[in-house]
Each structure stands twice: as structure tokens, then as C-alpha cells.
C-alpha atoms as a PDB file:
ATOM      1  CA  MET A   1      11.100   1.536  -4.914  1.00  0.00           C
ATOM      2  CA  GLU A   2       9.740  -1.447  -2.882  1.00  0.00           C
ATOM      3  CA  ARG A   3       7.144  -4.193  -3.407  1.00  0.00           C
ATOM      4  CA  TYR A   4       4.142  -4.171  -0.754  1.00  0.00           C
ATOM      5  CA  VAL A   5       1.265  -5.886  -0.264  1.00  0.00           C
ATOM      6  CA  VAL A   6      -1.793  -3.387   0.174  1.00  0.00           C
ATOM      7  CA  GLU A   7      -4.827  -5.095   1.805  1.00  0.00           C
ATOM      8  CA  VAL A   8      -8.297  -3.535   2.793  1.00  0.00           C
ATOM      9  CA  MET A   9      -9.356  -4.636   5.897  1.00  0.00           C
ATOM     10  CA  SER A  10     -12.751  -4.866   7.677  1.00  0.00           C
ATOM     11  CA  GLY A  11     -11.891  -5.963  11.335  1.00  0.00           C
ATOM     12  CA  ASP A  12     -10.029  -9.102  10.699  1.00  0.00           C
ATOM     13  CA  LEU A  13     -11.438  -9.986   7.377  1.00  0.00           C
ATOM     14  CA  VAL A  14      -9.589  -8.843   3.919  1.00  0.00           C
ATOM     15  CA  LYS A  15     -11.708  -7.426   1.857  1.00  0.00           C
ATOM     16  CA  SER A  16      -9.303  -6.398  -1.122  1.00  0.00           C
ATOM     17  CA  GLU A  17      -5.523  -7.037  -1.906  1.00  0.00           C
ATOM     18  CA  GLN A  18      -3.246  -5.835  -4.368  1.00  0.00           C
ATOM     19  CA  ILE A  19       0.541  -5.207  -4.789  1.00  0.00           C
ATOM     20  CA  VAL A  20       1.935  -1.715  -5.262  1.00  0.00           C
ATOM     21  CA  SER A  21       5.567  -0.349  -6.096  1.00  0.00           C
ATOM     22  CA  ALA A  22       5.972   2.594  -3.721  1.00  0.00           C
ATOM     23  CA  ASN A  23       8.890   4.512  -2.304  1.00  0.00           C
ATOM     24  CA  SER A  24       7.234   4.048   1.278  1.00  0.00           C
ATOM     25  CA  PRO A  25       4.529   2.073   3.090  1.00  0.00           C
ATOM     26  CA  LEU A  26       2.337   5.243   3.410  1.00  0.00           C
ATOM     27  CA  GLU A  27       2.775   5.984   0.004  1.00  0.00           C
ATOM     28  CA  ALA A  28       1.716   2.320  -1.289  1.00  0.00           C
ATOM     29  CA  ALA A  29      -1.469   2.500   1.117  1.00  0.00           C
ATOM     30  CA  ARG A  30      -2.283   5.928  -0.523  1.00  0.00           C
ATOM     31  CA  LEU A  31      -1.592   4.435  -4.151  1.00  0.00           C
ATOM     32  CA  GLY A  32      -3.285   1.020  -3.694  1.00  0.00           C
ATOM     33  CA  THR A  33      -6.639   2.685  -2.097  1.00  0.00           C
ATOM     34  CA  GLY A  34      -6.637   5.846  -3.905  1.00  0.00           C
ATOM     35  CA  ARG A  35      -7.442   7.571  -0.620  1.00  0.00           C
ATOM     36  CA  GLU A  36      -5.508   9.631   1.811  1.00  0.00           C
ATOM     37  CA  VAL A  37      -4.912   7.525   5.044  1.00  0.00           C
ATOM     38  CA  TYR A  38      -3.240   8.253   8.724  1.00  0.00           C
ATOM     39  CA  GLU A  39      -1.808   5.630  11.390  1.00  0.00           C
ATOM     40  CA  ARG A  40      -4.438   3.450  12.547  1.00  0.00           C
ATOM     41  CA  ARG A  41      -5.742   3.602  16.035  1.00  0.00           C
ATOM     42  CA  ASP A  42      -9.121   1.524  16.668  1.00  0.00           C
ATOM     43  CA  GLU A  43     -10.768   1.600  13.075  1.00  0.00           C
ATOM     44  CA  MET A  44     -12.902  -1.229  11.590  1.00  0.00           C
ATOM     45  CA  GLU A  45     -12.086  -0.427   8.404  1.00  0.00           C
ATOM     46  CA  TRP A  46      -8.341  -0.181   7.755  1.00  0.00           C
ATOM     47  CA  VAL A  47      -5.370  -0.850   5.468  1.00  0.00           C
ATOM     48  CA  ARG A  48      -2.678  -3.335   6.224  1.00  0.00           C
ATOM     49  CA  VAL A  49       0.972  -2.692   3.898  1.00  0.00           C
ATOM     50  CA  THR A  50       3.182  -5.549   4.024  1.00  0.00           C
ATOM     51  CA  ASP A  51       6.989  -4.938   2.549  1.00  0.00           C
ATOM     52  CA  GLU A  52       7.547  -7.920   0.715  1.00  0.00           C
ATOM     53  CA  ALA A  53      11.407  -7.645   0.998  1.00  0.00           C
ATOM     54  CA  ASN A  54      11.697  -7.650   5.008  1.00  0.00           C
ATOM     55  CA  SER A  55       8.037  -8.625   5.901  1.00  0.00           C
ATOM     56  CA  ALA A  56       7.437  -5.301   8.064  1.00  0.00           C
ATOM     57  CA  VAL A  57       4.056  -4.720   8.275  1.00  0.00           C
ATOM     58  CA  SER A  58       2.392  -1.135   8.574  1.00  0.00           C
ATOM     59  CA  TRP A  59      -1.585  -0.047   9.712  1.00  0.00           C
ATOM     60  CA  TYR A  60      -3.198   2.526   8.576  1.00  0.00           C
ATOM     61  CA  ALA A  61      -6.984   4.177   8.201  1.00  0.00           C
ATOM     62  CA  PHE A  62      -8.810   6.385   5.834  1.00  0.00           C
ATOM     63  CA  LYS A  63      -9.064   9.751   6.533  1.00  0.00           C
END
């Protein structure tokens, strides 16, 4: 399992942040928010997931 920083965003503002251990960024987004997510397009409320090991960033939005 990898460690991810999961941040719930409102535009460019971080609303909440936590560290989550998961097998993938998608799983980390789901575990960290407790909600279903999909790939982000242009939503105002979204989730940024950063892999701590390699600084890879993924973006998701709520379903």
C-alpha cells in the first residue's frame, strides 16, 4: 500500500486534508472522502490526491 495525501478542494482552496494508505489514487480518494469519485473535468468542488513516494498528483470530482 502507498501513502497518499487526500485534499478536498473548493476551487483552489484546500477545505480538508488527510493521509490515507491505499492501493491506488482512486481508492485513496474514495477512502479519504467516504464518497464515490470520478476523473475531474472542471468542477469547483474536487479532490486532489498526491502520492507521497513520487509526488504524482491525481484529480477527481464527486459523483
